[in-house]
Amino acid sequence: MPELDEYLYALAWNNNTSVVVITLIFYEYVLQFEKEVTFVWERQWSVMTYLYLAVRYFGMLIAIISACWGGLFYMPEAKFQI
């Protein structure tokens, strides 16, 4: 079963990488939130404001989904014999 060990190692590596990516994403958002409030939320709203917010927060959602499950799309399926 050395093949199973390789798959478990790859899954653990994916999980650890996911935690790092999510942490970095939220850290960047926390650092930029004050500027975002000043320059986006407190201004008069326009089409560009809506586009900015959609791209920023939809992008965060996509990045988190990719961080959590993105690596699993590329991992080969383990063949178990019972």
N, C-alpha and C. Protein backbone atom coordinates (compact mmCIF):
# COMPACT_ATOMS: atom_id res chain seq x y z
N MET A 1 0.79 -1.20 0.00
CA MET A 1 0.00 0.00 0.00
C MET A 1 0.84 1.27 0.00
N PRO A 2 2.00 1.25 -0.58
CA PRO A 2 2.76 2.50 -0.64
C PRO A 2 2.05 3.56 -1.47
N GLU A 3 1.21 3.12 -2.40
CA GLU A 3 0.47 4.06 -3.22
C GLU A 3 -0.52 4.87 -2.38
N LEU A 4 -1.16 4.21 -1.41
CA LEU A 4 -2.10 4.89 -0.52
C LEU A 4 -1.38 5.93 0.32
N ASP A 5 -0.18 5.62 0.77
CA ASP A 5 0.60 6.59 1.56
C ASP A 5 0.92 7.84 0.75
N GLU A 6 1.19 7.65 -0.52
CA GLU A 6 1.47 8.80 -1.38
C GLU A 6 0.23 9.68 -1.53
N TYR A 7 -0.93 9.07 -1.66
CA TYR A 7 -2.17 9.83 -1.78
C TYR A 7 -2.50 10.58 -0.49
N LEU A 8 -2.29 9.92 0.64
CA LEU A 8 -2.54 10.58 1.92
C LEU A 8 -1.56 11.74 2.15
N TYR A 9 -0.32 11.56 1.74
CA TYR A 9 0.67 12.63 1.84
C TYR A 9 0.26 13.82 0.97
N ALA A 10 -0.20 13.53 -0.25
CA ALA A 10 -0.63 14.61 -1.16
C ALA A 10 -1.85 15.32 -0.61
N LEU A 11 -2.77 14.58 0.01
CA LEU A 11 -3.96 15.19 0.59
C LEU A 11 -3.59 16.07 1.78
N ALA A 12 -2.68 15.62 2.62
CA ALA A 12 -2.23 16.43 3.76
C ALA A 12 -1.52 17.69 3.26
N TRP A 13 -0.71 17.56 2.22
CA TRP A 13 -0.03 18.71 1.63
C TRP A 13 -1.05 19.72 1.11
N ASN A 14 -2.11 19.23 0.46
CA ASN A 14 -3.17 20.10 -0.05
C ASN A 14 -3.88 20.82 1.10
N ASN A 15 -4.15 20.12 2.18
CA ASN A 15 -4.82 20.74 3.32
C ASN A 15 -3.95 21.82 3.95
N ASN A 16 -2.68 21.56 4.11
CA ASN A 16 -1.77 22.56 4.69
C ASN A 16 -1.65 23.78 3.78
N THR A 17 -1.56 23.55 2.51
CA THR A 17 -1.49 24.65 1.56
C THR A 17 -2.77 25.48 1.58
N SER A 18 -3.90 24.82 1.73
CA SER A 18 -5.18 25.53 1.80
C SER A 18 -5.23 26.48 2.98
N VAL A 19 -4.74 26.03 4.12
CA VAL A 19 -4.74 26.89 5.32
C VAL A 19 -3.87 28.12 5.08
N VAL A 20 -2.71 27.94 4.47
CA VAL A 20 -1.81 29.06 4.20
C VAL A 20 -2.45 30.04 3.23
N VAL A 21 -3.05 29.55 2.16
CA VAL A 21 -3.65 30.42 1.16
C VAL A 21 -4.81 31.22 1.75
N ILE A 22 -5.69 30.56 2.50
CA ILE A 22 -6.82 31.25 3.10
C ILE A 22 -6.34 32.30 4.10
N THR A 23 -5.32 31.99 4.87
CA THR A 23 -4.76 32.95 5.83
C THR A 23 -4.22 34.18 5.11
N LEU A 24 -3.48 33.98 4.04
CA LEU A 24 -2.93 35.11 3.29
C LEU A 24 -4.02 35.96 2.65
N ILE A 25 -5.05 35.32 2.14
CA ILE A 25 -6.15 36.07 1.53
C ILE A 25 -6.83 36.95 2.56
N PHE A 26 -7.16 36.39 3.72
CA PHE A 26 -7.84 37.19 4.73
C PHE A 26 -6.93 38.27 5.31
N TYR A 27 -5.64 37.99 5.41
CA TYR A 27 -4.69 38.99 5.90
C TYR A 27 -4.65 40.19 4.95
N GLU A 28 -4.63 39.90 3.65
CA GLU A 28 -4.62 40.99 2.66
C GLU A 28 -5.91 41.80 2.74
N TYR A 29 -7.03 41.13 2.91
CA TYR A 29 -8.31 41.85 3.00
C TYR A 29 -8.38 42.70 4.26
N VAL A 30 -7.86 42.19 5.37
CA VAL A 30 -7.87 42.97 6.61
C VAL A 30 -6.98 44.20 6.47
N LEU A 31 -5.82 44.05 5.82
CA LEU A 31 -4.92 45.19 5.64
C LEU A 31 -5.54 46.28 4.75
N GLN A 32 -6.30 45.89 3.75
CA GLN A 32 -6.85 46.84 2.79
C GLN A 32 -8.25 47.34 3.15
N PHE A 33 -8.85 46.79 4.21
CA PHE A 33 -10.25 47.12 4.49
C PHE A 33 -10.45 48.60 4.84
N GLU A 34 -9.52 49.19 5.60
CA GLU A 34 -9.66 50.61 5.96
C GLU A 34 -9.64 51.49 4.72
N LYS A 35 -8.72 51.22 3.80
CA LYS A 35 -8.67 51.99 2.55
C LYS A 35 -9.91 51.75 1.70
N GLU A 36 -10.39 50.52 1.71
CA GLU A 36 -11.60 50.21 0.93
C GLU A 36 -12.80 50.99 1.46
N VAL A 37 -12.94 51.08 2.77
CA VAL A 37 -14.05 51.85 3.34
C VAL A 37 -13.93 53.31 2.94
N THR A 38 -12.72 53.86 3.04
CA THR A 38 -12.51 55.27 2.72
C THR A 38 -12.78 55.58 1.25
N PHE A 39 -12.23 54.77 0.36
CA PHE A 39 -12.26 55.09 -1.06
C PHE A 39 -13.40 54.45 -1.84
N VAL A 40 -14.09 53.48 -1.26
CA VAL A 40 -15.17 52.81 -2.00
C VAL A 40 -16.51 52.99 -1.30
N TRP A 41 -16.59 52.59 -0.05
CA TRP A 41 -17.89 52.57 0.63
C TRP A 41 -18.42 53.98 0.95
N GLU A 42 -17.54 54.92 1.22
CA GLU A 42 -17.97 56.25 1.61
C GLU A 42 -18.18 57.20 0.43
N ARG A 43 -17.84 56.79 -0.76
CA ARG A 43 -18.04 57.62 -1.95
C ARG A 43 -19.42 57.42 -2.52
N GLN A 44 -19.76 58.27 -3.47
CA GLN A 44 -21.02 58.10 -4.17
C GLN A 44 -20.92 56.83 -5.03
N TRP A 45 -21.97 56.02 -4.99
CA TRP A 45 -21.94 54.74 -5.69
C TRP A 45 -22.16 54.92 -7.18
N SER A 46 -21.41 54.15 -7.96
CA SER A 46 -21.55 54.17 -9.41
C SER A 46 -21.44 52.73 -9.91
N VAL A 47 -21.50 52.59 -11.21
CA VAL A 47 -21.36 51.26 -11.80
C VAL A 47 -19.98 50.68 -11.47
N MET A 48 -18.98 51.51 -11.47
CA MET A 48 -17.62 51.04 -11.16
C MET A 48 -17.52 50.55 -9.72
N THR A 49 -18.25 51.16 -8.81
CA THR A 49 -18.24 50.70 -7.43
C THR A 49 -18.82 49.29 -7.35
N TYR A 50 -19.93 49.08 -8.00
CA TYR A 50 -20.55 47.75 -8.00
C TYR A 50 -19.63 46.71 -8.64
N LEU A 51 -18.99 47.08 -9.73
CA LEU A 51 -18.07 46.15 -10.39
C LEU A 51 -16.87 45.83 -9.50
N TYR A 52 -16.32 46.85 -8.86
CA TYR A 52 -15.19 46.64 -7.96
C TYR A 52 -15.55 45.67 -6.85
N LEU A 53 -16.70 45.91 -6.20
CA LEU A 53 -17.10 45.06 -5.08
C LEU A 53 -17.42 43.64 -5.55
N ALA A 54 -18.03 43.50 -6.71
CA ALA A 54 -18.33 42.17 -7.23
C ALA A 54 -17.05 41.40 -7.52
N VAL A 55 -16.11 42.05 -8.17
CA VAL A 55 -14.85 41.38 -8.50
C VAL A 55 -14.06 41.06 -7.24
N ARG A 56 -14.02 42.00 -6.31
CA ARG A 56 -13.23 41.79 -5.09
C ARG A 56 -13.78 40.66 -4.24
N TYR A 57 -15.08 40.66 -3.98
CA TYR A 57 -15.63 39.66 -3.08
C TYR A 57 -15.97 38.35 -3.78
N PHE A 58 -16.32 38.39 -5.06
CA PHE A 58 -16.48 37.16 -5.80
C PHE A 58 -15.11 36.50 -6.00
N GLY A 59 -14.09 37.32 -6.21
CA GLY A 59 -12.73 36.80 -6.32
C GLY A 59 -12.26 36.12 -5.05
N MET A 60 -12.64 36.69 -3.90
CA MET A 60 -12.27 36.07 -2.63
C MET A 60 -12.96 34.71 -2.50
N LEU A 61 -14.21 34.64 -2.88
CA LEU A 61 -14.94 33.38 -2.82
C LEU A 61 -14.28 32.33 -3.72
N ILE A 62 -13.95 32.71 -4.93
CA ILE A 62 -13.29 31.79 -5.86
C ILE A 62 -11.94 31.34 -5.33
N ALA A 63 -11.17 32.26 -4.75
CA ALA A 63 -9.86 31.91 -4.20
C ALA A 63 -9.97 30.93 -3.05
N ILE A 64 -10.96 31.11 -2.19
CA ILE A 64 -11.14 30.20 -1.06
C ILE A 64 -11.61 28.83 -1.55
N ILE A 65 -12.52 28.81 -2.50
CA ILE A 65 -12.97 27.53 -3.04
C ILE A 65 -11.80 26.80 -3.71
N SER A 66 -11.00 27.53 -4.45
CA SER A 66 -9.83 26.92 -5.09
C SER A 66 -8.82 26.44 -4.07
N ALA A 67 -8.66 27.19 -2.99
CA ALA A 67 -7.71 26.79 -1.96
C ALA A 67 -8.17 25.52 -1.25
N CYS A 68 -9.46 25.41 -1.02
CA CYS A 68 -9.97 24.25 -0.28
C CYS A 68 -10.10 23.01 -1.15
N TRP A 69 -10.63 23.17 -2.35
CA TRP A 69 -10.92 22.00 -3.17
C TRP A 69 -10.18 21.99 -4.49
N GLY A 70 -9.42 23.01 -4.79
CA GLY A 70 -8.75 23.08 -6.09
C GLY A 70 -7.73 22.00 -6.29
N GLY A 71 -6.97 21.68 -5.26
CA GLY A 71 -5.96 20.66 -5.39
C GLY A 71 -6.54 19.27 -5.59
N LEU A 72 -7.75 19.07 -5.10
CA LEU A 72 -8.37 17.76 -5.24
C LEU A 72 -8.78 17.47 -6.68
N PHE A 73 -8.95 18.51 -7.48
CA PHE A 73 -9.31 18.28 -8.87
C PHE A 73 -8.18 17.65 -9.66
N TYR A 74 -6.95 17.86 -9.21
CA TYR A 74 -5.79 17.39 -9.96
C TYR A 74 -5.17 16.13 -9.38
N MET A 75 -5.66 15.68 -8.25
CA MET A 75 -5.09 14.48 -7.63
C MET A 75 -5.73 13.25 -8.26
N PRO A 76 -4.93 12.26 -8.59
CA PRO A 76 -5.51 11.04 -9.17
C PRO A 76 -6.33 10.30 -8.14
N GLU A 77 -7.27 9.53 -8.60
CA GLU A 77 -8.13 8.78 -7.71
C GLU A 77 -7.41 7.52 -7.24
N ALA A 78 -7.47 7.26 -5.96
CA ALA A 78 -6.82 6.08 -5.40
C ALA A 78 -7.64 4.84 -5.73
N LYS A 79 -6.98 3.78 -6.09
CA LYS A 79 -7.64 2.50 -6.39
C LYS A 79 -7.47 1.60 -5.17
N PHE A 80 -8.56 1.34 -4.49
CA PHE A 80 -8.51 0.49 -3.31
C PHE A 80 -8.99 -0.91 -3.66
N GLN A 81 -8.29 -1.88 -3.12
CA GLN A 81 -8.71 -3.27 -3.31
C GLN A 81 -9.24 -3.78 -1.99
N ILE A 82 -10.42 -4.35 -2.05
CA ILE A 82 -11.04 -4.86 -0.82
C ILE A 82 -10.89 -6.35 -0.76
